[in-house]
Amino acid sequence: MEEKMRKKLPIGIESFEKIRNDNFYYIDKTGILRDLLLNWGEVNLFTRPRRFGKSLNMSMMKNFFEIGCRRELFDGLAIMKETELCERYMGKFPVVSISLKGVNGNDYETARSMMCTVVGTEAMRFQFLAESEKLTDKEKALYAQLTAIGEQREGVFELSNAVLMESLYTLTFLLRKHYGSRVIVLIDEYDVPLSKANDNGYYDQMVLLIRNMFERVLKTNDNLYFAVLTGCLRVAKESIFTGLNNFNVLSITDVGFEEYFGFTDQEVREMLQYYGLSGQYDTVKEWYDGYRFGNMDVYCPWDVICYCGRLRLNPKAQPEAYWSNTSSNAVIRHFLEIARSTTKQEIERLISGESIVKAVRQELTYKEMYDSPDNIWSVLFTTGYLTRRGDAEGMKLRLAIPNKEIRMIFEEQISEWFQETARKDGEALNAFCEAFKNGDAKEAEKRFGGYLSRTISIRDTAVKKEMKENYYHGILLGLLSYKEDWYVVSNRESGDGYCDILVEIDGEETGIAIEVKYARNGDLEAGCRKALEQIDERRYTEFLTEDGMTKILKYGVACYKKKCRVMLG
């Protein structure tokens, strides 16, 4: 197939209609419609990590159920084989569909204003209600309150507290009266406002707002046909979903609906084949597979799509941690800050490819998340940083890092946390750097060993040797970068290769070349000698000489777990 004939990759596109209209590649997830209708739940909550297709599925549901549905959008898709279901449900319902992922204000008033905008914008889709012959003047006045634009801030919806808390219920009431049909409610990323509120100190206010909005529309609402919510966390019922007996939670541990969030192995194989990228299958699997939902293993769809897009432009493109670029990864940082020594040992085991058994609570309030490391295991699991291996062991799960991408995120966060911790003692860090400048290998070794003893090491298990070397390389690079007047570069081409670390010290014409090795068998002496031989054989100091450095120091650094050796060449 010629490249120009292939469908476009839907990178960052969450609109089902746009994907189907504009010739984007779509992996058919319409089977979720059948399973929802046949496995009835009046209020359904899907909890999945971010970037696993929740928003696209919600868009697809809206397009299927809503009155005025364009049937051609579903031509050739699995749901169209369910002729009886399509006849009964397709295009037969008014749909209220909102996403709360943008409600992320730094204070409550800002977040509340954002919520007003979300509700007001959705209400504006139904402007025919303002003229509906089915509604009384008072009911039309209720609709007008939902779309009220503030006088003080032009173009901004301003709803009173009473109107906002009743808003979703009011919409279902008005739509049912207009159409004579009960309403489907879709609420995407319901917990984002709670997460942001917890981070910024207005959690209790946001809990109250969302609880009131949700209870009115989801609990004993005769206008509701059914509802679907999505989010990352299953927030405790007593926090948000008080008294919802019609509540059906479908989490990452539940059997059923697994294949509808994420890509299956077969779907990834077909996608790679379609774009002529089958040769990249092993790399894609190593980096982006490994998530266990229910009884099925799935890939992160965001990563697969992004990497395929990069490969189409550059067949030699290397995989990246695309998923990490969509979040601050703050949960790992919080984890490290409160971790006990035993917890750090467990992190070492995870990074090395092992698994650990932990009790997991899937119902937490955001306030409880960081109360203890025990809770954060649950958060890491539900948000996709850890996944399940094997069957549940009573109330406990065997947890592991899913793939190479997430392992790299852990290592980056650990390295950044460690650098920040080390920089708090500038005097000690300055002495460490000066030891390298002065050719004092023993002092450099002593201080580097001290730093390694306080951070998280890499164990001798599944992690490849080059990844271990990269980890220690990153720690050393960060420490040496403390000196603002030093020019420190990593993997810079010099001579016949790429030296791990090159340093030029301004005003002193002193250059430093460092090569890092991981001593797999614990022979640190041999590791240092091998590193120094590589510096000489590949002429790594050539770059320093060409830059006018007259005094050049060569160091071989070997690491093994939390031990190190520094040797001057």
Protein backbone atom coordinates (compact mmCIF):
# COMPACT_ATOMS: atom_id res chain seq x y z
CA MET A 1 0.00 0.00 0.00
CA GLU A 2 1.39 3.36 -0.98
CA GLU A 3 2.04 5.72 1.96
CA LYS A 4 -0.30 8.39 0.61
CA MET A 5 -3.18 5.87 0.52
CA ARG A 6 -2.95 4.93 4.18
CA LYS A 7 -5.28 6.37 6.79
CA LYS A 8 -3.98 9.12 9.04
CA LEU A 9 -3.00 8.33 12.62
CA PRO A 10 -5.37 9.93 15.18
CA ILE A 11 -2.71 11.43 17.44
CA GLY A 12 -4.49 13.37 20.17
CA ILE A 13 -7.91 13.13 18.48
CA GLU A 14 -10.72 12.16 20.86
CA SER A 15 -13.67 12.92 18.57
CA PHE A 16 -15.20 9.75 17.11
CA GLU A 17 -17.00 11.77 14.45
CA LYS A 18 -13.78 13.44 13.28
CA ILE A 19 -11.92 10.14 13.15
CA ARG A 20 -14.62 8.53 11.04
CA ASN A 21 -15.26 11.57 8.83
CA ASP A 22 -11.66 12.50 8.08
CA ASN A 23 -10.11 9.13 7.22
CA PHE A 24 -8.23 8.43 10.44
CA TYR A 25 -7.25 4.93 11.52
CA TYR A 26 -9.78 3.58 14.03
CA ILE A 27 -9.51 0.43 16.11
CA ASP A 28 -13.06 -0.78 16.51
CA LYS A 29 -14.22 -0.53 20.13
CA THR A 30 -17.95 -0.36 19.39
CA GLY A 31 -18.45 -3.74 21.06
CA ILE A 32 -18.61 -1.81 24.33
CA LEU A 33 -22.05 -0.59 23.26
CA ARG A 34 -23.37 -4.13 23.02
CA ASP A 35 -21.81 -5.16 26.32
CA LEU A 36 -23.18 -2.09 28.13
CA LEU A 37 -26.69 -2.74 26.88
CA LEU A 38 -26.65 -6.48 27.57
CA ASN A 39 -24.98 -6.17 30.99
CA TRP A 40 -27.22 -3.48 32.34
CA GLY A 41 -26.12 -0.95 34.91
CA GLU A 42 -28.03 2.29 35.43
CA VAL A 43 -24.89 4.20 36.47
CA ASN A 44 -21.61 2.77 35.14
CA LEU A 45 -18.16 3.95 36.19
CA PHE A 46 -15.12 2.89 34.16
CA THR A 47 -11.81 3.53 35.93
CA ARG A 48 -8.74 3.37 33.73
CA PRO A 49 -5.36 5.15 33.62
CA ARG A 50 -5.06 8.28 31.50
CA ARG A 51 -4.53 7.93 27.75
CA PHE A 52 -6.30 4.58 27.46
CA GLY A 53 -9.12 5.71 25.17
CA LYS A 54 -11.77 6.73 27.71
CA SER A 55 -12.65 10.03 26.01
CA LEU A 56 -12.82 8.53 22.52
CA ASN A 57 -15.17 5.81 23.76
CA MET A 58 -17.41 8.41 25.37
CA SER A 59 -17.49 10.37 22.11
CA MET A 60 -18.41 7.19 20.26
CA MET A 61 -21.24 6.46 22.71
CA LYS A 62 -22.63 9.96 22.28
CA ASN A 63 -22.60 9.59 18.49
CA PHE A 64 -24.36 6.22 18.68
CA PHE A 65 -27.16 6.98 21.12
CA GLU A 66 -27.98 10.62 20.39
CA ILE A 67 -31.07 11.60 18.44
CA GLY A 68 -29.93 12.58 14.96
CA CYS A 69 -27.25 9.87 14.88
CA ARG A 70 -25.41 9.57 11.56
CA ARG A 71 -25.53 5.84 10.92
CA GLU A 72 -22.86 6.05 8.27
CA LEU A 73 -20.26 6.80 10.96
CA PHE A 74 -20.68 3.21 12.13
CA ASP A 75 -20.64 1.51 8.72
CA GLY A 76 -18.42 -1.56 8.83
CA LEU A 77 -18.01 -1.52 12.60
CA ALA A 78 -18.83 -4.39 14.95
CA ILE A 79 -21.95 -2.87 16.49
CA MET A 80 -23.73 -2.81 13.13
CA LYS A 81 -23.86 -6.61 13.22
CA GLU A 82 -26.16 -6.29 16.24
CA THR A 83 -29.16 -5.35 14.14
CA GLU A 84 -31.75 -5.70 16.92
CA LEU A 85 -29.77 -3.52 19.34
CA CYS A 86 -29.15 -0.91 16.67
CA GLU A 87 -32.81 -0.78 15.78
CA ARG A 88 -33.79 -0.31 19.42
CA TYR A 89 -31.10 2.05 20.67
CA MET A 90 -29.25 3.78 17.84
CA GLY A 91 -30.16 7.46 17.62
CA LYS A 92 -33.07 7.08 20.05
CA PHE A 93 -32.02 9.18 23.07
CA PRO A 94 -31.20 12.73 24.06
CA VAL A 95 -27.65 12.71 25.43
CA VAL A 96 -26.00 15.03 27.93
CA SER A 97 -22.24 14.69 27.47
CA ILE A 98 -19.63 16.64 29.46
CA SER A 99 -15.91 16.30 30.13
CA LEU A 100 -14.44 17.59 33.38
CA LYS A 101 -10.80 17.20 32.35
CA GLY A 102 -10.49 20.96 31.88
CA VAL A 103 -11.78 21.87 35.36
CA ASN A 104 -8.35 22.37 36.89
CA GLY A 105 -8.29 25.81 38.52
CA ASN A 106 -5.66 26.90 41.01
CA ASP A 107 -8.43 28.05 43.38
CA TYR A 108 -12.05 27.15 43.96
CA GLU A 109 -13.59 30.21 42.28
CA THR A 110 -11.60 29.58 39.10
CA ALA A 111 -12.51 25.90 39.10
CA ARG A 112 -16.16 26.70 39.77
CA SER A 113 -16.17 29.14 36.85
CA MET A 114 -14.69 26.41 34.65
CA MET A 115 -17.47 24.07 35.76
CA CYS A 116 -20.04 26.70 34.82
CA THR A 117 -18.45 26.92 31.38
CA VAL A 118 -18.59 23.14 30.91
CA VAL A 119 -22.28 23.02 31.85
CA GLY A 120 -23.22 26.19 29.99
CA THR A 121 -21.48 25.06 26.81
CA GLU A 122 -23.29 21.72 26.88
CA ALA A 123 -26.61 23.42 27.55
CA MET A 124 -26.04 25.65 24.51
CA ARG A 125 -26.20 22.55 22.29
CA PHE A 126 -29.93 22.43 23.08
CA GLN A 127 -30.96 25.99 22.21
CA PHE A 128 -34.20 24.67 20.74
CA LEU A 129 -35.36 24.26 24.34
CA ALA A 130 -35.71 28.03 24.61
CA GLU A 131 -38.50 27.88 22.00
CA SER A 132 -39.87 24.40 22.70
CA GLU A 133 -43.64 24.16 22.62
CA LYS A 134 -43.38 21.24 25.03
CA LEU A 135 -41.98 23.45 27.81
CA THR A 136 -43.81 25.98 29.98
CA ASP A 137 -42.50 29.52 30.38
CA LYS A 138 -41.10 28.61 33.81
CA GLU A 139 -39.28 25.64 32.33
CA LYS A 140 -37.85 27.81 29.59
CA ALA A 141 -36.67 30.17 32.31
CA LEU A 142 -34.83 27.24 33.91
CA TYR A 143 -33.04 26.66 30.61
CA ALA A 144 -32.15 30.36 30.38
CA GLN A 145 -30.47 30.12 33.78
CA LEU A 146 -28.22 27.32 32.47
CA THR A 147 -26.97 29.49 29.61
CA ALA A 148 -26.69 32.78 31.46
CA ILE A 149 -23.75 34.96 30.44
CA GLY A 150 -22.36 37.17 33.19
CA GLU A 151 -22.56 40.93 32.86
CA GLN A 152 -19.20 41.48 34.55
CA ARG A 153 -17.25 39.05 32.38
CA GLU A 154 -18.36 38.99 28.78
CA GLY A 155 -18.67 35.54 27.23
CA VAL A 156 -18.36 33.72 30.57
CA PHE A 157 -21.21 31.59 31.90
CA GLU A 158 -22.23 32.61 35.40
CA LEU A 159 -24.53 30.18 37.20
CA SER A 160 -25.60 30.58 40.81
CA ASN A 161 -24.68 27.79 43.22
CA ALA A 162 -28.23 26.54 43.27
CA VAL A 163 -28.46 26.47 39.46
CA LEU A 164 -25.05 24.84 39.04
CA MET A 165 -25.76 22.07 41.53
CA GLU A 166 -29.09 21.33 39.83
CA SER A 167 -27.77 21.90 36.30
CA LEU A 168 -27.32 18.33 35.04
CA TYR A 169 -30.61 17.22 36.56
CA THR A 170 -32.34 20.25 35.02
CA LEU A 171 -31.00 19.40 31.57
CA THR A 172 -32.27 15.81 31.80
CA PHE A 173 -35.66 17.04 33.00
CA LEU A 174 -36.04 19.56 30.16
CA LEU A 175 -34.78 17.17 27.48
CA ARG A 176 -37.10 14.39 28.59
CA LYS A 177 -40.08 16.70 28.51
CA HIS A 178 -39.15 17.99 25.05
CA TYR A 179 -38.43 14.59 23.48
CA GLY A 180 -40.65 12.33 25.58
CA SER A 181 -37.66 10.06 26.03
CA ARG A 182 -35.41 9.46 28.99
CA VAL A 183 -31.86 10.80 28.80
CA ILE A 184 -28.39 9.24 28.66
CA VAL A 185 -25.74 11.08 30.69
CA LEU A 186 -22.01 10.80 29.90
CA ILE A 187 -19.46 12.34 32.30
CA ASP A 188 -15.84 11.97 31.20
CA GLU A 189 -12.86 12.35 33.58
CA TYR A 190 -15.15 12.98 36.54
CA ASP A 191 -12.30 12.98 39.08
CA VAL A 192 -9.94 15.54 37.50
CA PRO A 193 -11.51 18.46 39.44
CA LEU A 194 -11.03 16.49 42.66
CA SER A 195 -7.38 15.81 41.93
CA LYS A 196 -6.68 19.47 41.15
CA ALA A 197 -8.66 20.61 44.18
CA ASN A 198 -6.63 18.34 46.45
CA ASP A 199 -3.39 19.69 45.00
CA ASN A 200 -4.47 23.30 45.48
CA GLY A 201 -6.20 23.25 48.85
CA TYR A 202 -9.93 23.49 48.09
CA TYR A 203 -10.84 19.80 48.11
CA ASP A 204 -13.79 19.99 50.53
CA GLN A 205 -15.48 22.73 48.48
CA MET A 206 -15.10 20.77 45.25
CA VAL A 207 -16.33 17.54 46.86
CA LEU A 208 -19.48 19.32 47.99
CA LEU A 209 -20.12 20.80 44.53
CA ILE A 210 -19.61 17.55 42.64
CA ARG A 211 -21.50 15.47 45.20
CA ASN A 212 -24.54 17.71 44.85
CA MET A 213 -24.35 17.79 41.04
CA PHE A 214 -23.96 14.02 40.75
CA GLU A 215 -26.53 13.03 43.35
CA ARG A 216 -29.22 15.11 41.68
CA VAL A 217 -28.65 13.71 38.22
CA LEU A 218 -27.69 10.11 39.06
CA LYS A 219 -29.76 9.22 42.13
CA THR A 220 -33.52 8.57 41.85
CA ASN A 221 -33.73 10.64 38.66
CA ASP A 222 -36.76 9.46 36.67
CA ASN A 223 -35.47 11.31 33.62
CA LEU A 224 -32.30 9.19 33.46
CA TYR A 225 -32.08 6.17 31.16
CA PHE A 226 -28.55 5.30 32.09
CA ALA A 227 -25.22 7.03 32.76
CA VAL A 228 -21.56 6.32 32.04
CA LEU A 229 -18.72 7.97 33.94
CA THR A 230 -14.97 7.60 33.44
CA GLY A 231 -12.02 8.49 35.61
CA CYS A 232 -8.62 7.35 36.83
CA LEU A 233 -9.53 6.68 40.45
CA ARG A 234 -12.55 5.09 42.01
CA VAL A 235 -13.14 7.76 44.62
CA ALA A 236 -14.72 6.38 47.80
CA LYS A 237 -18.51 6.24 47.65
CA GLU A 238 -18.89 8.11 50.92
CA SER A 239 -16.99 11.00 49.36
CA ILE A 240 -18.93 11.52 46.12
CA PHE A 241 -21.44 8.79 45.38
CA THR A 242 -23.33 8.67 48.67
CA GLY A 243 -26.33 6.36 48.54
CA LEU A 244 -26.03 5.41 44.87
CA ASN A 245 -27.40 1.87 44.96
CA ASN A 246 -27.62 1.78 41.15
CA PHE A 247 -23.84 2.11 40.83
CA ASN A 248 -21.85 -0.35 38.67
CA VAL A 249 -18.06 0.06 39.00
CA LEU A 250 -15.87 -1.48 36.28
CA SER A 251 -12.26 -1.10 37.39
CA ILE A 252 -8.98 -2.40 36.02
CA THR A 253 -9.28 -5.54 38.13
CA ASP A 254 -12.78 -6.45 36.96
CA VAL A 255 -13.42 -9.06 34.29
CA GLY A 256 -15.45 -7.69 31.42
CA PHE A 257 -14.95 -4.70 29.11
CA GLU A 258 -11.13 -5.22 29.28
CA GLU A 259 -10.49 -5.00 25.54
CA TYR A 260 -12.31 -1.68 25.11
CA PHE A 261 -9.69 0.45 26.87
CA GLY A 262 -6.23 -0.06 25.42
CA PHE A 263 -5.07 -2.05 22.40
CA THR A 264 -4.91 -5.83 22.38
CA ASP A 265 -1.87 -7.62 21.00
CA GLN A 266 -3.76 -8.58 17.85
CA GLU A 267 -4.90 -4.99 17.28
CA VAL A 268 -1.31 -3.76 17.59
CA ARG A 269 -0.05 -6.41 15.15
CA GLU A 270 -2.70 -5.41 12.61
CA MET A 271 -1.95 -1.72 13.02
CA LEU A 272 1.79 -2.21 12.56
CA GLN A 273 1.17 -4.37 9.51
CA TYR A 274 -1.15 -1.77 8.01
CA TYR A 275 1.55 0.89 8.23
CA GLY A 276 4.36 -1.42 7.10
CA LEU A 277 5.95 -1.41 10.56
CA SER A 278 5.71 -5.08 11.54
CA GLY A 279 9.47 -5.18 12.04
CA GLN A 280 9.01 -2.87 15.04
CA TYR A 281 6.66 -5.23 16.89
CA ASP A 282 9.18 -6.43 19.49
CA THR A 283 10.19 -2.85 20.34
CA VAL A 284 6.57 -1.69 20.65
CA LYS A 285 5.76 -4.65 22.88
CA GLU A 286 8.78 -4.12 25.15
CA TRP A 287 8.04 -0.42 25.62
CA TYR A 288 4.25 -0.11 25.64
CA ASP A 289 2.63 -3.49 26.46
CA GLY A 290 2.28 -5.15 29.84
CA TYR A 291 -0.89 -3.67 31.38
CA ARG A 292 -3.24 -6.22 32.89
CA PHE A 293 -6.94 -5.29 32.87
CA GLY A 294 -9.21 -8.02 34.20
CA ASN A 295 -7.99 -11.16 32.43
CA MET A 296 -6.44 -9.41 29.43
CA ASP A 297 -3.07 -7.86 28.61
CA VAL A 298 -3.24 -4.55 26.75
CA TYR A 299 -0.97 -1.84 25.35
CA CYS A 300 -1.23 1.88 26.06
CA PRO A 301 -2.91 3.18 22.86
CA TRP A 302 -1.49 6.70 23.15
CA ASP A 303 2.06 5.37 23.09
CA VAL A 304 1.49 2.98 20.20
CA ILE A 305 -0.12 5.67 18.05
CA CYS A 306 2.56 8.28 18.86
CA TYR A 307 5.44 5.90 18.13
CA CYS A 308 3.86 4.71 14.87
CA GLY A 309 3.49 8.34 13.85
CA ARG A 310 7.16 8.99 14.59
CA LEU A 311 8.25 5.86 12.70
CA ARG A 312 6.31 6.90 9.61
CA LEU A 313 8.41 10.08 9.49
CA ASN A 314 11.67 8.44 10.53
CA PRO A 315 12.04 4.63 10.24
CA LYS A 316 15.01 4.84 12.63
CA ALA A 317 13.10 6.73 15.35
CA GLN A 318 13.74 5.43 18.85
CA PRO A 319 10.85 4.79 21.28
CA GLU A 320 10.13 7.48 23.84
CA ALA A 321 8.10 7.85 27.01
CA TYR A 322 5.15 9.59 25.31
CA TRP A 323 2.83 8.77 28.22
CA SER A 324 5.01 10.66 30.69
CA ASN A 325 4.65 13.84 28.66
CA THR A 326 0.93 13.96 29.45
CA SER A 327 1.32 14.35 33.20
CA SER A 328 3.64 15.69 35.85
CA ASN A 329 4.12 12.19 37.31
CA ALA A 330 3.75 13.88 40.70
CA VAL A 331 2.46 10.68 42.28
CA ILE A 332 5.91 9.06 42.04
CA ARG A 333 7.56 12.14 43.51
CA HIS A 334 5.17 12.12 46.49
CA PHE A 335 5.88 8.42 46.91
CA LEU A 336 9.64 8.94 47.05
CA GLU A 337 9.35 11.81 49.52
CA ILE A 338 7.54 9.73 52.13
CA ALA A 339 9.09 6.35 51.35
CA ARG A 340 10.57 4.34 54.21
CA SER A 341 13.80 2.35 53.81
CA THR A 342 11.84 -0.85 53.27
CA THR A 343 9.74 0.90 50.63
CA LYS A 344 12.86 2.01 48.78
CA GLN A 345 14.04 -1.60 48.70
CA GLU A 346 10.69 -2.56 47.16
CA ILE A 347 11.11 0.15 44.52
CA GLU A 348 14.55 -1.28 43.73
CA ARG A 349 12.96 -4.69 43.18
CA LEU A 350 10.29 -3.22 40.89
CA ILE A 351 12.77 -1.30 38.76
CA SER A 352 14.82 -4.46 38.39
CA GLY A 353 11.86 -6.31 36.91
CA GLU A 354 10.67 -8.14 40.01
CA SER A 355 7.16 -8.05 41.48
CA ILE A 356 5.93 -7.38 45.00
CA VAL A 357 2.71 -8.34 46.81
CA LYS A 358 0.71 -5.46 48.26
CA ALA A 359 -2.77 -4.81 49.59
CA VAL A 360 -4.57 -2.53 47.15
CA ARG A 361 -7.47 -0.26 48.05
CA GLN A 362 -9.34 0.82 44.97
CA GLU A 363 -11.63 3.13 46.94
CA LEU A 364 -9.69 6.12 48.24
CA THR A 365 -10.43 9.78 48.72
CA TYR A 366 -7.85 12.12 47.24
CA LYS A 367 -7.12 13.33 50.76
CA GLU A 368 -5.97 9.85 51.73
CA MET A 369 -3.68 9.31 48.77
CA TYR A 370 -0.44 10.45 50.37
CA ASP A 371 -1.22 9.66 53.99
CA SER A 372 1.16 6.69 53.87
CA PRO A 373 3.22 4.67 51.37
CA ASP A 374 0.66 1.88 51.81
CA ASN A 375 -2.00 4.05 50.14
CA ILE A 376 0.32 5.18 47.37
CA TRP A 377 0.80 1.58 46.22
CA SER A 378 -2.92 1.64 45.45
CA VAL A 379 -2.65 4.97 43.62
CA LEU A 380 0.32 3.78 41.55
CA PHE A 381 -1.71 0.72 40.58
CA THR A 382 -4.94 2.48 39.64
CA THR A 383 -3.16 5.23 37.68
CA GLY A 384 -1.12 2.79 35.55
CA TYR A 385 2.38 3.11 37.01
CA LEU A 386 2.10 -0.45 38.30
CA THR A 387 0.07 -3.35 37.00
CA ARG A 388 -1.08 -6.75 38.19
CA ARG A 389 0.78 -9.98 37.57
CA GLY A 390 -1.04 -13.27 38.09
CA ASP A 391 -4.23 -13.76 40.07
CA ALA A 392 -5.22 -11.89 43.21
CA GLU A 393 -3.87 -13.35 46.44
CA GLY A 394 -6.78 -12.77 48.80
CA MET A 395 -7.04 -9.01 49.29
CA LYS A 396 -3.55 -8.52 47.86
CA LEU A 397 -2.20 -8.14 44.33
CA ARG A 398 1.18 -8.98 42.87
CA LEU A 399 2.37 -5.68 41.38
CA ALA A 400 5.02 -4.97 38.75
CA ILE A 401 6.14 -2.15 36.47
CA PRO A 402 4.31 -2.84 33.18
CA ASN A 403 6.97 -2.02 30.60
CA LYS A 404 10.17 -0.24 29.67
CA GLU A 405 8.50 3.15 29.32
CA ILE A 406 7.17 3.19 32.89
CA ARG A 407 10.47 1.87 34.22
CA MET A 408 12.19 4.81 32.58
CA ILE A 409 9.67 7.23 34.15
CA PHE A 410 10.46 5.77 37.58
CA GLU A 411 14.19 6.12 36.99
CA GLU A 412 13.84 9.72 35.78
CA GLN A 413 11.71 10.69 38.77
CA ILE A 414 14.09 8.96 41.17
CA SER A 415 17.04 10.74 39.59
CA GLU A 416 15.34 14.16 39.77
CA TRP A 417 14.29 13.58 43.39
CA PHE A 418 17.80 12.48 44.30
CA GLN A 419 19.40 15.50 42.62
CA GLU A 420 17.08 17.86 44.49
CA THR A 421 17.89 16.12 47.77
CA ALA A 422 21.65 16.21 47.11
CA ARG A 423 21.61 19.93 46.21
CA LYS A 424 20.27 20.79 49.64
CA ASP A 425 23.82 20.20 50.94
CA GLY A 426 25.76 22.43 48.56
CA GLU A 427 28.98 22.21 50.57
CA ALA A 428 29.16 18.43 50.28
CA LEU A 429 28.24 18.49 46.60
CA ASN A 430 30.88 21.13 45.87
CA ALA A 431 33.51 18.97 47.61
CA PHE A 432 32.44 16.00 45.45
CA CYS A 433 32.92 17.99 42.24
CA GLU A 434 36.25 19.42 43.42
CA ALA A 435 37.56 15.90 44.03
CA PHE A 436 37.07 15.12 40.33
CA LYS A 437 38.74 18.39 39.31
CA ASN A 438 41.72 17.78 41.59
CA GLY A 439 42.33 14.19 40.44
CA ASP A 440 41.44 12.83 43.88
CA ALA A 441 39.85 9.53 42.84
CA LYS A 442 39.66 8.17 46.40
CA GLU A 443 37.75 11.20 47.70
CA ALA A 444 35.45 11.15 44.65
CA GLU A 445 34.82 7.44 45.22
CA LYS A 446 34.08 7.94 48.91
CA ARG A 447 31.59 10.71 48.29
CA PHE A 448 29.94 9.04 45.30
CA GLY A 449 29.53 5.87 47.37
CA GLY A 450 27.88 7.95 50.07
CA TYR A 451 25.36 9.32 47.58
CA LEU A 452 24.62 5.85 46.20
CA SER A 453 23.97 4.53 49.70
CA ARG A 454 21.16 7.06 50.10
CA THR A 455 19.44 6.60 46.76
CA ILE A 456 17.71 3.70 45.04
CA SER A 457 19.94 1.20 43.27
CA ILE A 458 19.43 -1.23 40.41
CA ARG A 459 19.41 -4.90 41.30
CA ASP A 460 20.85 -7.73 39.21
CA THR A 461 17.69 -9.11 37.63
CA ALA A 462 15.75 -8.38 34.47
CA VAL A 463 17.12 -4.92 33.69
CA LYS A 464 19.65 -4.95 30.88
CA LYS A 465 23.26 -3.98 31.53
CA GLU A 466 23.09 -0.83 29.41
CA MET A 467 20.02 0.37 31.32
CA LYS A 468 21.88 -0.08 34.62
CA GLU A 469 24.81 1.92 33.24
CA ASN A 470 22.43 4.64 32.07
CA TYR A 471 20.96 4.87 35.55
CA TYR A 472 24.31 5.41 37.29
CA HIS A 473 25.42 7.64 34.44
CA GLY A 474 22.38 9.85 35.06
CA ILE A 475 23.06 10.14 38.79
CA LEU A 476 26.71 11.11 38.22
CA LEU A 477 25.80 13.56 35.48
CA GLY A 478 23.29 15.31 37.72
CA LEU A 479 25.76 15.64 40.58
CA LEU A 480 28.53 17.10 38.39
CA SER A 481 26.06 19.55 36.83
CA TYR A 482 25.87 21.32 40.19
CA LYS A 483 28.86 23.50 39.22
CA GLU A 484 27.39 26.38 37.24
CA ASP A 485 30.74 27.38 35.74
CA TRP A 486 31.46 23.88 34.45
CA TYR A 487 30.46 22.90 30.92
CA VAL A 488 29.10 19.36 31.38
CA VAL A 489 27.84 17.31 28.42
CA SER A 490 26.54 13.77 28.12
CA ASN A 491 27.10 11.30 25.27
CA ARG A 492 28.93 13.91 23.22
CA GLU A 493 30.62 12.63 20.07
CA SER A 494 34.38 12.66 20.51
CA GLY A 495 37.07 10.68 18.70
CA ASP A 496 35.57 7.39 17.53
CA GLY A 497 32.52 7.31 19.74
CA TYR A 498 30.38 8.96 22.40
CA CYS A 499 31.85 9.56 25.83
CA ASP A 500 29.48 9.19 28.79
CA ILE A 501 30.44 12.52 30.39
CA LEU A 502 32.77 15.30 29.26
CA VAL A 503 33.54 18.32 31.45
CA GLU A 504 35.29 21.60 30.61
CA ILE A 505 36.16 23.92 33.51
CA ASP A 506 36.07 27.56 32.48
CA GLY A 507 39.23 29.59 33.11
CA GLU A 508 41.37 26.62 34.10
CA GLU A 509 41.77 24.82 30.75
CA THR A 510 40.96 21.58 32.56
CA GLY A 511 38.94 18.83 30.92
CA ILE A 512 37.49 15.66 32.38
CA ALA A 513 36.41 12.51 30.51
CA ILE A 514 34.32 9.95 32.42
CA GLU A 515 33.14 6.54 31.29
CA VAL A 516 30.65 4.61 33.48
CA LYS A 517 30.40 0.82 33.62
CA TYR A 518 28.11 -1.53 35.49
CA ALA A 519 30.16 -4.37 37.06
CA ARG A 520 27.70 -7.22 36.63
CA ASN A 521 29.81 -9.66 38.68
CA GLY A 522 30.82 -7.09 41.28
CA ASP A 523 34.40 -6.76 39.98
CA LEU A 524 34.65 -2.98 40.29
CA GLU A 525 38.38 -2.92 39.56
CA ALA A 526 37.94 -4.65 36.21
CA GLY A 527 35.01 -2.37 35.37
CA CYS A 528 37.11 0.75 35.93
CA ARG A 529 39.97 -0.58 33.82
CA LYS A 530 37.59 -1.46 30.99
CA ALA A 531 36.16 2.06 31.12
CA LEU A 532 39.61 3.67 30.97
CA GLU A 533 40.65 1.42 28.08
CA GLN A 534 37.53 2.52 26.18
CA ILE A 535 38.41 6.20 26.73
CA ASP A 536 41.86 5.62 25.22
CA GLU A 537 40.85 3.24 22.43
CA ARG A 538 38.03 5.49 21.17
CA ARG A 539 39.95 8.73 21.75
CA TYR A 540 37.21 10.31 23.87
CA THR A 541 39.51 13.14 24.99
CA GLU A 542 39.91 14.46 21.45
CA PHE A 543 36.97 16.86 21.84
CA LEU A 544 38.53 18.35 24.98
CA THR A 545 41.92 18.79 23.30
CA GLU A 546 40.37 20.48 20.28
CA ASP A 547 38.59 22.87 22.68
CA GLY A 548 41.94 23.96 24.14
CA MET A 549 41.95 21.96 27.36
CA THR A 550 45.62 21.57 28.41
CA LYS A 551 45.06 19.47 31.55
CA ILE A 552 42.91 16.40 30.90
CA LEU A 553 41.76 13.92 33.54
CA LYS A 554 40.36 10.49 32.60
CA TYR A 555 38.14 8.57 35.00
CA GLY A 556 36.75 5.07 34.87
CA VAL A 557 33.73 4.68 37.16
CA ALA A 558 32.30 1.24 37.95
CA CYS A 559 29.10 0.61 39.92
CA TYR A 560 27.47 -2.46 41.39
CA LYS A 561 24.26 -2.06 43.37
CA LYS A 562 25.21 0.62 45.95
CA LYS A 563 28.97 0.17 45.63
CA CYS A 564 31.30 2.09 43.33
CA ARG A 565 34.93 2.46 42.37
CA VAL A 566 36.48 5.57 40.81
CA MET A 567 39.84 5.14 39.07
CA LEU A 568 42.02 7.87 37.56
CA GLY A 569 43.70 6.98 34.27
